């Protein structure tokens, strides 16, 4: 909902100024930046760059925000993203980019990594076990064993 008050306008203007500072300090042009009320959201789309370049963009913005990017994996679906959240000029800011999850070579599911680096196949539609993460396009494909165990319980 759009608010027509001077306080709401001031918060929005502060977020826009902080977003401009963030982009300038990170030294990255062409970002998709949204300011909603008193928050900044930056989405680095798959079409913007290859996975490694998108990760560098997230890391550069995270550095300005004073935080470190982290991979997040959905436990309900085979989705993952790299994200970072912090503040600039007192305004909360977030940046994220989606990551493609590596499919199992036989296309029967998706690859996941557990505690200690164990890699296994999670069947299509199955939930990711607690403590596991999806193996993504940022992971080294050579590190995936040829004899993958099927479905982890």
C-alpha atoms as a PDB file:
ATOM      1  CA  UNK A   1       0.000   0.000   0.000  1.00  0.00           C
ATOM      2  CA  UNK A   2       1.318   3.441  -0.913  1.00  0.00           C
ATOM      3  CA  UNK A   3       1.346   5.898   1.972  1.00  0.00           C
ATOM      4  CA  UNK A   4       1.026   9.651   1.391  1.00  0.00           C
ATOM      5  CA  UNK A   5       2.617  10.952   4.571  1.00  0.00           C
ATOM      6  CA  UNK A   6       5.740  12.986   5.021  1.00  0.00           C
ATOM      7  CA  UNK A   7       7.174  10.340   7.404  1.00  0.00           C
ATOM      8  CA  UNK A   8       6.647   7.554   4.865  1.00  0.00           C
ATOM      9  CA  UNK A   9       8.145   9.704   2.114  1.00  0.00           C
ATOM     10  CA  UNK A  10      11.186  10.436   4.283  1.00  0.00           C
ATOM     11  CA  UNK A  11      11.718   6.700   4.993  1.00  0.00           C
ATOM     12  CA  UNK A  12      11.432   5.852   1.298  1.00  0.00           C
ATOM     13  CA  UNK A  13      13.819   8.645   0.320  1.00  0.00           C
ATOM     14  CA  UNK A  14      16.340   7.476   2.938  1.00  0.00           C
ATOM     15  CA  UNK A  15      16.165   3.923   1.538  1.00  0.00           C
ATOM     16  CA  UNK A  16      16.693   5.202  -2.018  1.00  0.00           C
ATOM     17  CA  UNK A  17      19.710   7.296  -0.953  1.00  0.00           C
ATOM     18  CA  UNK A  18      21.167   4.340   0.969  1.00  0.00           C
ATOM     19  CA  UNK A  19      20.620   2.078  -2.064  1.00  0.00           C
ATOM     20  CA  UNK A  20      22.486   4.546  -4.274  1.00  0.00           C
ATOM     21  CA  UNK A  21      25.359   4.627  -1.765  1.00  0.00           C
ATOM     22  CA  UNK A  22      25.394   0.822  -1.633  1.00  0.00           C
ATOM     23  CA  UNK A  23      25.594   0.456  -5.416  1.00  0.00           C
ATOM     24  CA  UNK A  24      28.306   3.107  -5.658  1.00  0.00           C
ATOM     25  CA  UNK A  25      30.402   1.654  -2.827  1.00  0.00           C
ATOM     26  CA  UNK A  26      30.116  -1.877  -4.233  1.00  0.00           C
ATOM     27  CA  UNK A  27      31.206  -0.536  -7.613  1.00  0.00           C
ATOM     28  CA  UNK A  28      28.681  -2.598  -9.554  1.00  0.00           C
ATOM     29  CA  UNK A  29      26.305  -1.115 -12.089  1.00  0.00           C
ATOM     30  CA  UNK A  30      23.225  -2.641 -13.660  1.00  0.00           C
ATOM     31  CA  UNK A  31      21.821  -4.163 -10.474  1.00  0.00           C
ATOM     32  CA  UNK A  32      18.097  -4.686 -10.012  1.00  0.00           C
ATOM     33  CA  UNK A  33      17.436  -2.645  -6.860  1.00  0.00           C
ATOM     34  CA  UNK A  34      14.071  -2.208  -5.137  1.00  0.00           C
ATOM     35  CA  UNK A  35      13.284   0.043  -2.214  1.00  0.00           C
ATOM     36  CA  UNK A  36      10.088  -0.770  -0.381  1.00  0.00           C
ATOM     37  CA  UNK A  37       9.231   1.383   2.593  1.00  0.00           C
ATOM     38  CA  UNK A  38      12.446   1.270   4.586  1.00  0.00           C
ATOM     39  CA  UNK A  39      14.162  -1.789   3.015  1.00  0.00           C
ATOM     40  CA  UNK A  40      16.504  -2.369   0.086  1.00  0.00           C
ATOM     41  CA  UNK A  41      16.300  -5.574  -1.954  1.00  0.00           C
ATOM     42  CA  UNK A  42      18.785  -6.460  -4.700  1.00  0.00           C
ATOM     43  CA  UNK A  43      18.087  -9.410  -6.994  1.00  0.00           C
ATOM     44  CA  UNK A  44      20.943 -10.659  -9.185  1.00  0.00           C
ATOM     45  CA  UNK A  45      19.085 -12.630 -11.855  1.00  0.00           C
ATOM     46  CA  UNK A  46      20.464 -15.671 -13.663  1.00  0.00           C
ATOM     47  CA  UNK A  47      20.379 -13.714 -16.916  1.00  0.00           C
ATOM     48  CA  UNK A  48      22.709 -11.052 -15.435  1.00  0.00           C
ATOM     49  CA  UNK A  49      25.884 -13.175 -15.342  1.00  0.00           C
ATOM     50  CA  UNK A  50      27.307 -16.675 -14.943  1.00  0.00           C
ATOM     51  CA  UNK A  51      27.097 -18.282 -11.460  1.00  0.00           C
ATOM     52  CA  UNK A  52      30.632 -17.344 -10.384  1.00  0.00           C
ATOM     53  CA  UNK A  53      30.189 -13.708 -11.459  1.00  0.00           C
ATOM     54  CA  UNK A  54      26.847 -13.524  -9.630  1.00  0.00           C
ATOM     55  CA  UNK A  55      28.536 -14.919  -6.511  1.00  0.00           C
ATOM     56  CA  UNK A  56      31.224 -12.211  -6.806  1.00  0.00           C
ATOM     57  CA  UNK A  57      28.503  -9.552  -7.096  1.00  0.00           C
ATOM     58  CA  UNK A  58      26.757 -10.850  -3.967  1.00  0.00           C
ATOM     59  CA  UNK A  59      30.108 -10.954  -2.143  1.00  0.00           C
ATOM     60  CA  UNK A  60      30.969  -7.379  -3.169  1.00  0.00           C
ATOM     61  CA  UNK A  61      27.646  -6.024  -1.922  1.00  0.00           C
ATOM     62  CA  UNK A  62      27.898  -8.158   1.235  1.00  0.00           C
ATOM     63  CA  UNK A  63      31.299  -6.606   1.905  1.00  0.00           C
ATOM     64  CA  UNK A  64      29.755  -3.137   1.854  1.00  0.00           C
ATOM     65  CA  UNK A  65      26.983  -4.385   4.159  1.00  0.00           C
ATOM     66  CA  UNK A  66      29.592  -5.800   6.550  1.00  0.00           C
ATOM     67  CA  UNK A  67      28.469  -9.412   6.231  1.00  0.00           C
ATOM     68  CA  UNK A  68      29.356 -12.642   4.458  1.00  0.00           C
ATOM     69  CA  UNK A  69      27.147 -14.328   1.839  1.00  0.00           C
ATOM     70  CA  UNK A  70      25.676 -17.734   2.641  1.00  0.00           C
ATOM     71  CA  UNK A  71      23.980 -20.418   0.588  1.00  0.00           C
ATOM     72  CA  UNK A  72      20.440 -21.170   1.645  1.00  0.00           C
ATOM     73  CA  UNK A  73      18.652 -24.353   0.605  1.00  0.00           C
ATOM     74  CA  UNK A  74      14.915 -24.883   0.626  1.00  0.00           C
ATOM     75  CA  UNK A  75      13.963 -28.009   2.557  1.00  0.00           C
ATOM     76  CA  UNK A  76      10.634 -28.272   0.743  1.00  0.00           C
ATOM     77  CA  UNK A  77      11.893 -28.111  -2.865  1.00  0.00           C
ATOM     78  CA  UNK A  78      15.127 -28.371  -4.851  1.00  0.00           C
ATOM     79  CA  UNK A  79      15.819 -24.625  -4.713  1.00  0.00           C
ATOM     80  CA  UNK A  80      18.889 -22.805  -3.456  1.00  0.00           C
ATOM     81  CA  UNK A  81      20.187 -19.258  -3.457  1.00  0.00           C
ATOM     82  CA  UNK A  82      23.140 -17.213  -2.297  1.00  0.00           C
ATOM     83  CA  UNK A  83      22.184 -14.334  -0.043  1.00  0.00           C
ATOM     84  CA  UNK A  84      23.491 -11.700   2.317  1.00  0.00           C
ATOM     85  CA  UNK A  85      21.722  -9.254   4.612  1.00  0.00           C
ATOM     86  CA  UNK A  86      22.957  -6.259   6.536  1.00  0.00           C
ATOM     87  CA  UNK A  87      22.474  -2.526   6.812  1.00  0.00           C
ATOM     88  CA  UNK A  88      23.729   0.580   5.105  1.00  0.00           C
ATOM     89  CA  UNK A  89      23.112   3.994   6.658  1.00  0.00           C
ATOM     90  CA  UNK A  90      20.764   2.280   9.108  1.00  0.00           C
ATOM     91  CA  UNK A  91      18.594   0.860   6.323  1.00  0.00           C
ATOM     92  CA  UNK A  92      18.159  -2.954   6.165  1.00  0.00           C
ATOM     93  CA  UNK A  93      19.412  -4.361   2.857  1.00  0.00           C
ATOM     94  CA  UNK A  94      19.381  -7.811   1.282  1.00  0.00           C
ATOM     95  CA  UNK A  95      20.952  -9.222  -1.866  1.00  0.00           C
ATOM     96  CA  UNK A  96      20.348 -12.646  -3.375  1.00  0.00           C
ATOM     97  CA  UNK A  97      20.863 -14.705  -6.503  1.00  0.00           C
ATOM     98  CA  UNK A  98      19.230 -18.027  -7.350  1.00  0.00           C
ATOM     99  CA  UNK A  99      21.472 -21.061  -7.793  1.00  0.00           C
ATOM    100  CA  UNK A 100      20.717 -24.000 -10.063  1.00  0.00           C
ATOM    101  CA  UNK A 101      20.635 -27.272  -8.136  1.00  0.00           C
ATOM    102  CA  UNK A 102      22.624 -30.069  -9.778  1.00  0.00           C
ATOM    103  CA  UNK A 103      20.393 -32.894 -11.007  1.00  0.00           C
ATOM    104  CA  UNK A 104      21.322 -36.524 -10.438  1.00  0.00           C
ATOM    105  CA  UNK A 105      22.944 -37.820 -13.653  1.00  0.00           C
ATOM    106  CA  UNK A 106      20.043 -40.248 -14.193  1.00  0.00           C
ATOM    107  CA  UNK A 107      17.535 -37.404 -13.665  1.00  0.00           C
ATOM    108  CA  UNK A 108      15.860 -39.258 -10.795  1.00  0.00           C
ATOM    109  CA  UNK A 109      16.379 -36.464  -8.304  1.00  0.00           C
ATOM    110  CA  UNK A 110      18.792 -33.773  -7.195  1.00  0.00           C
ATOM    111  CA  UNK A 111      22.200 -33.898  -5.566  1.00  0.00           C
ATOM    112  CA  UNK A 112      22.567 -32.882  -1.927  1.00  0.00           C
ATOM    113  CA  UNK A 113      25.516 -32.655   0.451  1.00  0.00           C
ATOM    114  CA  UNK A 114      25.257 -33.676   4.063  1.00  0.00           C
ATOM    115  CA  UNK A 115      27.342 -33.043   7.123  1.00  0.00           C
ATOM    116  CA  UNK A 116      30.943 -33.973   6.427  1.00  0.00           C
ATOM    117  CA  UNK A 117      30.491 -33.518   2.682  1.00  0.00           C
ATOM    118  CA  UNK A 118      28.671 -36.773   1.940  1.00  0.00           C
ATOM    119  CA  UNK A 119      26.863 -36.408  -1.417  1.00  0.00           C
ATOM    120  CA  UNK A 120      23.688 -38.336  -2.233  1.00  0.00           C
ATOM    121  CA  UNK A 121      20.583 -38.186  -4.397  1.00  0.00           C
ATOM    122  CA  UNK A 122      17.374 -36.752  -2.976  1.00  0.00           C
ATOM    123  CA  UNK A 123      14.443 -38.118  -4.970  1.00  0.00           C
ATOM    124  CA  UNK A 124      12.195 -35.750  -6.900  1.00  0.00           C
ATOM    125  CA  UNK A 125       9.631 -34.217  -4.561  1.00  0.00           C
ATOM    126  CA  UNK A 126      11.398 -35.445  -1.394  1.00  0.00           C
ATOM    127  CA  UNK A 127      12.424 -33.032   1.355  1.00  0.00           C
ATOM    128  CA  UNK A 128      16.014 -32.146   2.095  1.00  0.00           C
ATOM    129  CA  UNK A 129      17.088 -33.708   5.420  1.00  0.00           C
ATOM    130  CA  UNK A 130      18.034 -31.404   8.284  1.00  0.00           C
ATOM    131  CA  UNK A 131      21.694 -30.380   8.120  1.00  0.00           C
ATOM    132  CA  UNK A 132      21.918 -31.045   4.368  1.00  0.00           C
ATOM    133  CA  UNK A 133      22.195 -28.543   1.509  1.00  0.00           C
ATOM    134  CA  UNK A 134      21.602 -28.765  -2.212  1.00  0.00           C
ATOM    135  CA  UNK A 135      24.658 -29.220  -4.452  1.00  0.00           C
ATOM    136  CA  UNK A 136      24.581 -26.247  -6.820  1.00  0.00           C
ATOM    137  CA  UNK A 137      26.243 -24.886  -9.915  1.00  0.00           C
ATOM    138  CA  UNK A 138      28.845 -23.272  -7.632  1.00  0.00           C
ATOM    139  CA  UNK A 139      30.041 -26.679  -6.399  1.00  0.00           C
ATOM    140  CA  UNK A 140      32.878 -28.432  -8.217  1.00  0.00           C
ATOM    141  CA  UNK A 141      31.288 -31.114 -10.409  1.00  0.00           C
ATOM    142  CA  UNK A 142      34.490 -33.204 -10.126  1.00  0.00           C
ATOM    143  CA  UNK A 143      33.881 -33.567  -6.372  1.00  0.00           C
ATOM    144  CA  UNK A 144      30.659 -35.544  -6.917  1.00  0.00           C
ATOM    145  CA  UNK A 145      31.292 -39.308  -6.578  1.00  0.00           C
ATOM    146  CA  UNK A 146      30.334 -41.551  -9.508  1.00  0.00           C
ATOM    147  CA  UNK A 147      28.577 -44.118  -7.281  1.00  0.00           C
ATOM    148  CA  UNK A 148      25.957 -41.961  -5.610  1.00  0.00           C
ATOM    149  CA  UNK A 149      23.765 -43.510  -2.936  1.00  0.00           C
ATOM    150  CA  UNK A 150      20.107 -43.155  -3.753  1.00  0.00           C
ATOM    151  CA  UNK A 151      17.577 -41.405  -1.536  1.00  0.00           C
ATOM    152  CA  UNK A 152      18.791 -40.344   1.866  1.00  0.00           C
ATOM    153  CA  UNK A 153      16.352 -40.785   4.738  1.00  0.00           C
END
